[in-house]
N, C-alpha and C. Protein backbone atom coordinates (compact mmCIF):
# COMPACT_ATOMS: atom_id res chain seq x y z
N UNK A 1 -7.83 76.36 117.57
CA UNK A 1 -8.88 76.48 116.58
C UNK A 1 -8.32 77.23 115.37
N UNK A 2 -8.55 76.75 114.19
CA UNK A 2 -8.04 77.42 113.00
C UNK A 2 -8.90 78.63 112.69
N UNK A 3 -8.34 79.53 111.87
CA UNK A 3 -9.05 80.75 111.49
C UNK A 3 -10.39 80.42 110.83
N UNK A 4 -10.43 79.32 110.06
CA UNK A 4 -11.66 78.95 109.35
C UNK A 4 -12.77 78.51 110.30
N UNK A 5 -12.41 77.86 111.39
CA UNK A 5 -13.44 77.33 112.28
C UNK A 5 -13.69 78.18 113.51
N UNK A 6 -12.95 79.25 113.69
CA UNK A 6 -13.17 80.08 114.87
C UNK A 6 -14.51 80.81 114.76
N UNK A 7 -15.20 80.94 115.88
CA UNK A 7 -16.49 81.62 115.85
C UNK A 7 -16.32 83.11 115.54
N UNK A 8 -17.30 83.64 114.87
CA UNK A 8 -17.30 85.07 114.58
C UNK A 8 -18.02 85.78 115.72
N UNK A 9 -17.25 86.52 116.51
CA UNK A 9 -17.78 87.23 117.66
C UNK A 9 -17.72 88.72 117.37
N UNK A 10 -18.85 89.39 117.56
CA UNK A 10 -18.91 90.84 117.38
C UNK A 10 -19.30 91.48 118.69
N UNK A 11 -18.93 92.75 118.85
CA UNK A 11 -19.23 93.50 120.05
C UNK A 11 -20.00 94.77 119.66
N UNK A 12 -21.13 94.97 120.31
CA UNK A 12 -21.95 96.17 120.11
C UNK A 12 -21.86 96.97 121.41
N UNK A 13 -21.13 98.07 121.37
CA UNK A 13 -20.90 98.83 122.59
C UNK A 13 -21.73 100.11 122.65
N UNK A 14 -21.95 100.57 123.87
CA UNK A 14 -22.65 101.82 124.10
C UNK A 14 -22.88 101.99 125.58
N UNK A 15 -23.54 103.09 125.94
CA UNK A 15 -23.90 103.29 127.34
C UNK A 15 -25.26 102.66 127.62
N UNK A 16 -26.13 102.58 126.62
CA UNK A 16 -27.43 101.92 126.73
C UNK A 16 -28.16 102.36 128.00
N UNK A 17 -28.40 103.67 128.07
CA UNK A 17 -28.97 104.27 129.28
C UNK A 17 -30.25 105.04 128.97
N UNK A 18 -31.34 104.37 128.72
CA UNK A 18 -31.57 102.94 128.69
C UNK A 18 -31.43 102.38 127.28
N UNK A 19 -31.50 101.07 127.17
CA UNK A 19 -31.50 100.42 125.86
C UNK A 19 -32.82 100.77 125.18
N UNK A 20 -32.77 101.10 123.90
CA UNK A 20 -33.96 101.55 123.16
C UNK A 20 -34.39 100.48 122.15
N UNK A 21 -35.54 100.71 121.52
CA UNK A 21 -35.98 99.81 120.45
C UNK A 21 -35.01 99.87 119.27
N UNK A 22 -34.37 101.03 119.07
CA UNK A 22 -33.35 101.14 118.02
C UNK A 22 -32.15 100.27 118.32
N UNK A 23 -31.68 100.29 119.58
CA UNK A 23 -30.58 99.40 119.97
C UNK A 23 -31.00 97.94 119.78
N UNK A 24 -32.22 97.64 120.22
CA UNK A 24 -32.70 96.26 120.14
C UNK A 24 -32.81 95.80 118.69
N UNK A 25 -33.18 96.70 117.80
CA UNK A 25 -33.24 96.38 116.37
C UNK A 25 -31.85 95.99 115.85
N UNK A 26 -30.83 96.75 116.22
CA UNK A 26 -29.46 96.44 115.80
C UNK A 26 -29.03 95.10 116.40
N UNK A 27 -29.37 94.86 117.65
CA UNK A 27 -29.02 93.59 118.31
C UNK A 27 -29.70 92.42 117.60
N UNK A 28 -30.99 92.53 117.34
CA UNK A 28 -31.72 91.45 116.66
C UNK A 28 -31.12 91.14 115.30
N UNK A 29 -30.80 92.16 114.55
CA UNK A 29 -30.24 91.96 113.22
C UNK A 29 -28.79 91.49 113.28
N UNK A 30 -28.01 92.07 114.21
CA UNK A 30 -26.61 91.71 114.35
C UNK A 30 -26.40 90.28 114.80
N UNK A 31 -27.30 89.78 115.64
CA UNK A 31 -27.15 88.41 116.14
C UNK A 31 -27.29 87.38 115.03
N UNK A 32 -27.92 87.78 113.94
CA UNK A 32 -28.07 86.88 112.79
C UNK A 32 -26.83 86.85 111.90
N UNK A 33 -25.98 87.86 112.05
CA UNK A 33 -24.78 87.97 111.22
C UNK A 33 -23.55 87.32 111.85
N UNK A 34 -23.60 87.12 113.15
CA UNK A 34 -22.42 86.64 113.88
C UNK A 34 -22.79 85.43 114.73
N UNK A 35 -21.79 84.62 115.04
CA UNK A 35 -22.02 83.45 115.90
C UNK A 35 -22.39 83.89 117.31
N UNK A 36 -21.74 84.96 117.76
CA UNK A 36 -22.02 85.50 119.08
C UNK A 36 -21.96 87.02 119.01
N UNK A 37 -22.89 87.66 119.70
CA UNK A 37 -22.89 89.12 119.80
C UNK A 37 -22.82 89.49 121.27
N UNK A 38 -21.81 90.26 121.63
CA UNK A 38 -21.65 90.73 123.00
C UNK A 38 -22.08 92.20 123.05
N UNK A 39 -23.05 92.48 123.87
CA UNK A 39 -23.47 93.86 124.11
C UNK A 39 -22.59 94.38 125.25
N UNK A 40 -21.69 95.28 124.90
CA UNK A 40 -20.76 95.84 125.88
C UNK A 40 -21.28 97.16 126.40
N UNK A 41 -21.58 97.21 127.68
CA UNK A 41 -22.13 98.41 128.29
C UNK A 41 -21.00 99.14 129.02
N UNK A 42 -20.71 100.33 128.51
CA UNK A 42 -19.61 101.11 129.06
C UNK A 42 -20.05 102.33 129.82
N UNK A 43 -19.08 102.98 130.38
CA UNK A 43 -19.31 104.22 131.12
C UNK A 43 -18.74 105.36 130.29
N UNK A 44 -19.56 106.36 130.03
CA UNK A 44 -19.11 107.54 129.31
C UNK A 44 -19.05 108.69 130.32
N UNK A 45 -17.84 109.13 130.67
CA UNK A 45 -17.72 110.20 131.69
C UNK A 45 -18.33 111.53 131.23
N UNK A 46 -18.61 111.65 129.93
CA UNK A 46 -19.20 112.89 129.42
C UNK A 46 -20.72 112.89 129.47
N UNK A 47 -21.32 111.78 129.90
CA UNK A 47 -22.77 111.68 129.95
C UNK A 47 -23.24 111.50 131.38
N UNK A 48 -24.36 112.13 131.70
CA UNK A 48 -25.00 111.94 132.99
C UNK A 48 -25.96 110.75 132.85
N UNK A 49 -25.67 109.66 133.54
CA UNK A 49 -26.46 108.44 133.42
C UNK A 49 -27.70 108.47 134.29
N UNK A 50 -28.77 107.91 133.76
CA UNK A 50 -30.00 107.72 134.52
C UNK A 50 -29.83 106.50 135.43
N UNK A 51 -29.35 105.40 134.84
CA UNK A 51 -29.14 104.15 135.57
C UNK A 51 -27.65 103.93 135.79
N UNK A 52 -27.29 103.33 136.92
CA UNK A 52 -25.88 102.99 137.12
C UNK A 52 -25.53 101.79 136.24
N UNK A 53 -24.27 101.46 136.17
CA UNK A 53 -23.80 100.41 135.26
C UNK A 53 -24.45 99.06 135.56
N UNK A 54 -24.58 98.71 136.83
CA UNK A 54 -25.19 97.42 137.19
C UNK A 54 -26.65 97.36 136.77
N UNK A 55 -27.37 98.47 136.95
CA UNK A 55 -28.78 98.52 136.53
C UNK A 55 -28.90 98.40 135.02
N UNK A 56 -28.02 99.10 134.28
CA UNK A 56 -28.07 99.02 132.81
C UNK A 56 -27.79 97.61 132.31
N UNK A 57 -26.83 96.94 132.94
CA UNK A 57 -26.51 95.56 132.55
C UNK A 57 -27.71 94.66 132.83
N UNK A 58 -28.31 94.78 134.01
CA UNK A 58 -29.46 93.95 134.37
C UNK A 58 -30.63 94.18 133.41
N UNK A 59 -30.92 95.45 133.08
CA UNK A 59 -32.01 95.75 132.16
C UNK A 59 -31.73 95.19 130.76
N UNK A 60 -30.50 95.35 130.31
CA UNK A 60 -30.15 94.84 128.98
C UNK A 60 -30.23 93.32 128.94
N UNK A 61 -29.76 92.66 130.00
CA UNK A 61 -29.85 91.19 130.04
C UNK A 61 -31.29 90.72 129.98
N UNK A 62 -32.16 91.44 130.65
CA UNK A 62 -33.58 91.10 130.62
C UNK A 62 -34.12 91.18 129.19
N UNK A 63 -33.75 92.22 128.48
CA UNK A 63 -34.27 92.46 127.14
C UNK A 63 -33.70 91.46 126.10
N UNK A 64 -32.45 91.08 126.25
CA UNK A 64 -31.83 90.18 125.26
C UNK A 64 -31.93 88.71 125.64
N UNK A 65 -32.56 88.41 126.77
CA UNK A 65 -32.67 87.02 127.24
C UNK A 65 -33.19 86.04 126.17
N UNK A 66 -34.11 86.44 125.29
CA UNK A 66 -34.60 85.48 124.29
C UNK A 66 -33.56 85.08 123.22
N UNK A 67 -32.46 85.77 123.14
CA UNK A 67 -31.48 85.52 122.09
C UNK A 67 -30.31 84.71 122.64
N UNK A 68 -30.23 83.45 122.24
CA UNK A 68 -29.24 82.53 122.82
C UNK A 68 -27.79 82.91 122.50
N UNK A 69 -27.57 83.63 121.41
CA UNK A 69 -26.19 83.97 121.04
C UNK A 69 -25.82 85.42 121.39
N UNK A 70 -26.58 86.03 122.30
CA UNK A 70 -26.29 87.40 122.74
C UNK A 70 -26.03 87.38 124.24
N UNK A 71 -24.95 88.03 124.64
CA UNK A 71 -24.68 88.19 126.07
C UNK A 71 -24.34 89.65 126.34
N UNK A 72 -24.44 90.04 127.60
CA UNK A 72 -24.22 91.42 128.01
C UNK A 72 -23.09 91.45 129.03
N UNK A 73 -22.15 92.38 128.84
CA UNK A 73 -21.04 92.57 129.77
C UNK A 73 -20.78 94.06 129.96
N UNK A 74 -20.40 94.42 131.17
CA UNK A 74 -19.98 95.79 131.45
C UNK A 74 -18.49 95.90 131.17
N UNK A 75 -18.05 97.11 130.83
CA UNK A 75 -16.61 97.34 130.66
C UNK A 75 -16.25 98.76 131.03
N UNK A 76 -15.01 98.93 131.50
CA UNK A 76 -14.50 100.25 131.87
C UNK A 76 -13.09 100.39 131.29
N UNK A 77 -13.01 100.38 129.98
CA UNK A 77 -11.75 100.50 129.27
C UNK A 77 -12.06 100.98 127.86
N UNK A 78 -11.04 101.19 127.06
CA UNK A 78 -11.28 101.54 125.66
C UNK A 78 -12.01 100.39 124.97
N UNK A 79 -12.85 100.73 124.01
CA UNK A 79 -13.59 99.71 123.29
C UNK A 79 -12.67 98.66 122.69
N UNK A 80 -11.58 99.08 122.04
CA UNK A 80 -10.68 98.10 121.42
C UNK A 80 -10.05 97.18 122.46
N UNK A 81 -9.79 97.69 123.65
CA UNK A 81 -9.25 96.84 124.72
C UNK A 81 -10.29 95.80 125.14
N UNK A 82 -11.53 96.22 125.26
CA UNK A 82 -12.62 95.31 125.61
C UNK A 82 -12.79 94.25 124.53
N UNK A 83 -12.80 94.68 123.28
CA UNK A 83 -12.97 93.75 122.16
C UNK A 83 -11.86 92.70 122.18
N UNK A 84 -10.63 93.13 122.33
CA UNK A 84 -9.49 92.18 122.40
C UNK A 84 -9.63 91.26 123.60
N UNK A 85 -9.99 91.84 124.75
CA UNK A 85 -10.06 91.05 125.99
C UNK A 85 -11.04 89.88 125.88
N UNK A 86 -12.15 90.09 125.19
CA UNK A 86 -13.13 89.01 125.09
C UNK A 86 -12.89 88.12 123.86
N UNK A 87 -11.85 88.41 123.11
CA UNK A 87 -11.49 87.56 121.98
C UNK A 87 -12.25 87.83 120.70
N UNK A 88 -12.79 89.01 120.57
CA UNK A 88 -13.52 89.38 119.34
C UNK A 88 -12.60 90.19 118.42
N UNK A 89 -13.04 90.36 117.18
CA UNK A 89 -12.30 91.20 116.23
C UNK A 89 -13.22 92.13 115.45
N UNK A 90 -14.49 92.15 115.85
CA UNK A 90 -15.48 92.95 115.11
C UNK A 90 -16.25 93.84 116.08
N UNK A 91 -16.35 95.11 115.71
CA UNK A 91 -17.20 96.06 116.44
C UNK A 91 -18.43 96.30 115.55
N UNK A 92 -19.61 96.11 116.10
CA UNK A 92 -20.85 96.38 115.40
C UNK A 92 -21.37 97.73 115.86
N UNK A 93 -21.75 98.56 114.91
CA UNK A 93 -22.29 99.89 115.23
C UNK A 93 -23.56 100.12 114.44
N UNK A 94 -24.49 100.84 115.04
CA UNK A 94 -25.71 101.24 114.36
C UNK A 94 -25.60 102.69 113.94
N UNK A 95 -26.14 102.99 112.79
CA UNK A 95 -26.13 104.37 112.28
C UNK A 95 -27.56 104.87 112.11
N UNK A 96 -27.85 106.03 112.70
CA UNK A 96 -29.18 106.62 112.57
C UNK A 96 -29.19 107.76 111.56
N UNK A 97 -28.20 108.64 111.64
CA UNK A 97 -28.22 109.86 110.85
C UNK A 97 -26.83 110.15 110.28
N UNK A 98 -26.75 111.18 109.45
CA UNK A 98 -25.45 111.60 108.93
C UNK A 98 -24.53 112.08 110.05
N UNK A 99 -25.11 112.68 111.08
CA UNK A 99 -24.31 113.11 112.23
C UNK A 99 -23.66 111.89 112.89
N UNK A 100 -24.43 110.80 113.03
CA UNK A 100 -23.86 109.55 113.56
C UNK A 100 -22.70 109.10 112.69
N UNK A 101 -22.87 109.20 111.37
CA UNK A 101 -21.84 108.73 110.46
C UNK A 101 -20.53 109.49 110.67
N UNK A 102 -20.61 110.80 110.84
CA UNK A 102 -19.40 111.59 111.08
C UNK A 102 -18.70 111.15 112.36
N UNK A 103 -19.47 110.98 113.42
CA UNK A 103 -18.90 110.56 114.69
C UNK A 103 -18.31 109.15 114.57
N UNK A 104 -19.07 108.24 113.99
CA UNK A 104 -18.62 106.84 113.87
C UNK A 104 -17.40 106.72 112.96
N UNK A 105 -17.34 107.54 111.93
CA UNK A 105 -16.18 107.54 111.03
C UNK A 105 -14.92 107.90 111.81
N UNK A 106 -15.02 108.94 112.63
CA UNK A 106 -13.90 109.37 113.45
C UNK A 106 -13.50 108.28 114.44
N UNK A 107 -14.49 107.67 115.10
CA UNK A 107 -14.20 106.61 116.07
C UNK A 107 -13.58 105.38 115.39
N UNK A 108 -14.07 105.05 114.21
CA UNK A 108 -13.53 103.90 113.48
C UNK A 108 -12.07 104.13 113.11
N UNK A 109 -11.75 105.33 112.64
CA UNK A 109 -10.36 105.65 112.32
C UNK A 109 -9.47 105.56 113.56
N UNK A 110 -9.97 106.06 114.67
CA UNK A 110 -9.21 106.01 115.92
C UNK A 110 -9.00 104.56 116.36
N UNK A 111 -10.08 103.78 116.36
CA UNK A 111 -9.97 102.37 116.74
C UNK A 111 -9.02 101.61 115.83
N UNK A 112 -9.04 101.95 114.54
CA UNK A 112 -8.15 101.29 113.59
C UNK A 112 -6.69 101.62 113.88
N UNK A 113 -6.43 102.83 114.31
CA UNK A 113 -5.05 103.21 114.67
C UNK A 113 -4.61 102.48 115.94
N UNK A 114 -5.56 102.27 116.86
CA UNK A 114 -5.25 101.58 118.11
C UNK A 114 -5.07 100.08 117.90
N UNK A 115 -5.84 99.51 116.98
CA UNK A 115 -5.73 98.08 116.68
C UNK A 115 -6.24 97.82 115.27
N UNK A 116 -5.33 97.74 114.29
CA UNK A 116 -5.73 97.56 112.89
C UNK A 116 -6.36 96.20 112.59
N UNK A 117 -6.29 95.27 113.53
CA UNK A 117 -6.89 93.95 113.29
C UNK A 117 -8.37 93.89 113.69
N UNK A 118 -8.88 94.95 114.27
CA UNK A 118 -10.29 95.00 114.64
C UNK A 118 -11.05 95.76 113.55
N UNK A 119 -12.09 95.13 113.03
CA UNK A 119 -12.92 95.73 111.98
C UNK A 119 -14.21 96.28 112.59
N UNK A 120 -14.75 97.31 111.96
CA UNK A 120 -16.04 97.86 112.37
C UNK A 120 -17.05 97.61 111.26
N UNK A 121 -18.21 97.11 111.65
CA UNK A 121 -19.31 96.82 110.72
C UNK A 121 -20.49 97.70 111.13
N UNK A 122 -21.11 98.35 110.15
CA UNK A 122 -22.22 99.25 110.41
C UNK A 122 -23.54 98.68 109.92
N UNK A 123 -24.59 98.87 110.71
CA UNK A 123 -25.95 98.56 110.28
C UNK A 123 -26.75 99.86 110.32
N UNK A 124 -27.46 100.13 109.26
CA UNK A 124 -28.33 101.30 109.24
C UNK A 124 -29.53 101.06 110.14
N UNK A 125 -29.91 102.07 110.89
CA UNK A 125 -31.08 101.96 111.75
C UNK A 125 -32.32 101.83 110.90
N UNK A 126 -33.27 101.09 111.40
CA UNK A 126 -34.58 101.02 110.78
C UNK A 126 -35.15 102.44 110.83
N UNK A 127 -35.77 102.88 109.77
CA UNK A 127 -36.30 104.25 109.70
C UNK A 127 -37.22 104.59 110.85
N UNK A 128 -37.91 103.60 111.38
CA UNK A 128 -38.83 103.81 112.49
C UNK A 128 -38.10 104.27 113.76
N UNK A 129 -36.81 103.92 113.85
CA UNK A 129 -36.06 104.22 115.07
C UNK A 129 -34.94 105.23 114.85
N UNK A 130 -34.84 105.81 113.68
CA UNK A 130 -33.70 106.67 113.37
C UNK A 130 -33.65 107.95 114.20
N UNK A 131 -34.74 108.32 114.82
CA UNK A 131 -34.76 109.53 115.65
C UNK A 131 -34.65 109.21 117.14
N UNK A 132 -34.66 107.93 117.50
CA UNK A 132 -34.71 107.53 118.90
C UNK A 132 -33.31 107.53 119.52
N UNK A 133 -33.19 108.15 120.67
CA UNK A 133 -31.94 108.14 121.42
C UNK A 133 -32.27 107.99 122.90
N UNK A 134 -31.30 107.55 123.66
CA UNK A 134 -31.51 107.42 125.11
C UNK A 134 -31.83 108.78 125.73
N UNK A 135 -31.23 109.84 125.21
CA UNK A 135 -31.51 111.19 125.72
C UNK A 135 -32.98 111.56 125.49
N UNK A 136 -33.51 111.21 124.33
CA UNK A 136 -34.92 111.47 124.02
C UNK A 136 -35.82 110.72 125.00
N UNK A 137 -35.48 109.48 125.28
CA UNK A 137 -36.27 108.66 126.21
C UNK A 137 -36.35 109.34 127.58
N UNK A 138 -35.20 109.78 128.07
CA UNK A 138 -35.15 110.42 129.38
C UNK A 138 -35.99 111.70 129.40
N UNK A 139 -35.94 112.44 128.30
CA UNK A 139 -36.71 113.68 128.21
C UNK A 139 -38.21 113.40 128.20
N UNK A 140 -38.63 112.43 127.39
CA UNK A 140 -40.05 112.08 127.30
C UNK A 140 -40.55 111.62 128.67
N UNK A 141 -39.78 110.75 129.32
CA UNK A 141 -40.19 110.23 130.63
C UNK A 141 -40.22 111.34 131.69
N UNK A 142 -39.28 112.26 131.65
CA UNK A 142 -39.19 113.34 132.65
C UNK A 142 -40.34 114.32 132.56
N UNK A 143 -40.87 114.51 131.36
CA UNK A 143 -41.92 115.50 131.17
C UNK A 143 -43.30 114.89 130.97
N UNK A 144 -43.52 113.74 131.61
CA UNK A 144 -44.86 113.17 131.65
C UNK A 144 -45.28 112.38 130.43
N UNK A 145 -44.36 111.97 129.60
CA UNK A 145 -44.72 111.21 128.41
C UNK A 145 -44.61 109.71 128.58
N UNK A 146 -44.77 109.25 129.81
CA UNK A 146 -44.62 107.83 130.10
C UNK A 146 -45.49 106.93 129.25
N UNK A 147 -46.70 107.39 128.93
CA UNK A 147 -47.61 106.58 128.14
C UNK A 147 -47.10 106.35 126.72
N UNK A 148 -46.21 107.20 126.26
CA UNK A 148 -45.68 107.09 124.90
C UNK A 148 -44.38 106.29 124.83
N UNK A 149 -43.83 105.89 125.98
CA UNK A 149 -42.53 105.23 125.98
C UNK A 149 -42.51 103.92 125.21
N UNK A 150 -43.66 103.25 125.08
CA UNK A 150 -43.68 101.97 124.37
C UNK A 150 -43.31 102.11 122.90
N UNK A 151 -43.29 103.32 122.40
CA UNK A 151 -42.86 103.57 121.01
C UNK A 151 -41.35 103.63 120.89
N UNK A 152 -40.66 103.72 122.05
CA UNK A 152 -39.22 103.95 122.04
C UNK A 152 -38.38 102.91 122.77
N UNK A 153 -38.96 102.24 123.76
CA UNK A 153 -38.20 101.26 124.55
C UNK A 153 -39.00 99.96 124.68
N UNK A 154 -38.30 98.85 124.95
CA UNK A 154 -39.01 97.59 125.20
C UNK A 154 -39.97 97.76 126.39
N UNK A 155 -41.10 97.09 126.31
CA UNK A 155 -42.14 97.25 127.33
C UNK A 155 -41.65 97.00 128.74
N UNK A 156 -40.78 96.01 128.93
CA UNK A 156 -40.31 95.68 130.27
C UNK A 156 -39.43 96.76 130.90
N UNK A 157 -39.04 97.76 130.12
CA UNK A 157 -38.20 98.84 130.66
C UNK A 157 -39.00 100.08 131.06
N UNK A 158 -40.26 100.15 130.67
CA UNK A 158 -41.05 101.35 130.95
C UNK A 158 -41.15 101.61 132.45
N UNK A 159 -41.54 100.60 133.24
CA UNK A 159 -41.69 100.79 134.68
C UNK A 159 -40.37 101.18 135.33
N UNK A 160 -39.25 100.49 135.06
CA UNK A 160 -37.99 100.91 135.67
C UNK A 160 -37.59 102.35 135.31
N UNK A 161 -37.85 102.76 134.08
CA UNK A 161 -37.52 104.13 133.66
C UNK A 161 -38.35 105.13 134.45
N UNK A 162 -39.66 104.89 134.50
CA UNK A 162 -40.54 105.83 135.20
C UNK A 162 -40.23 105.86 136.70
N UNK A 163 -39.96 104.70 137.28
CA UNK A 163 -39.61 104.65 138.70
C UNK A 163 -38.32 105.44 138.98
N UNK A 164 -37.34 105.28 138.10
CA UNK A 164 -36.05 105.98 138.29
C UNK A 164 -36.26 107.49 138.16
N UNK A 165 -37.01 107.91 137.17
CA UNK A 165 -37.30 109.33 136.97
C UNK A 165 -37.98 109.91 138.21
N UNK A 166 -38.94 109.16 138.75
CA UNK A 166 -39.66 109.61 139.96
C UNK A 166 -38.73 109.76 141.15
N UNK A 167 -37.77 108.86 141.30
CA UNK A 167 -36.85 108.96 142.45
C UNK A 167 -35.90 110.14 142.29
N UNK A 168 -35.58 110.49 141.05
CA UNK A 168 -34.67 111.62 140.81
C UNK A 168 -35.38 112.96 140.82
N UNK A 169 -36.67 112.95 140.47
CA UNK A 169 -37.47 114.18 140.43
C UNK A 169 -38.74 113.99 141.25
N UNK A 170 -38.63 113.95 142.58
CA UNK A 170 -39.84 113.67 143.41
C UNK A 170 -40.86 114.77 143.34
């Protein structure tokens, strides 16, 4: 396939524990910019996960099922290694705050040193979701805010989140 006709594949990586409406906003918008968008769900050893990797993949697949050009894959390697392995050259990232920008800038420079042929593209978070994080979701759910979760996560994830919280904090 020539460079002109090759599909544009982007990868949106994260731990997605759980996937939030902010993540979903980036996915919805990103899928319109690329021929294929791969949601790469990784393991971050510095974070305590609510859901295991298989559960996160299953939940994400459920949420992105309506989008024909979006698929979900787990990975346990450096992001640039994952991107290369699946044949992509673009990393898609969402930005919520200036703090995100500092972190993402550092990661982009590192990824560029590891593989200069991989580009990073940023989408600004919708203002409605700029404060939403997976950590916030876990906190709200843990302290009895289950009724408010629909403001932060897709509806189909509310029950699994509350059930998981209940099993961890009986």
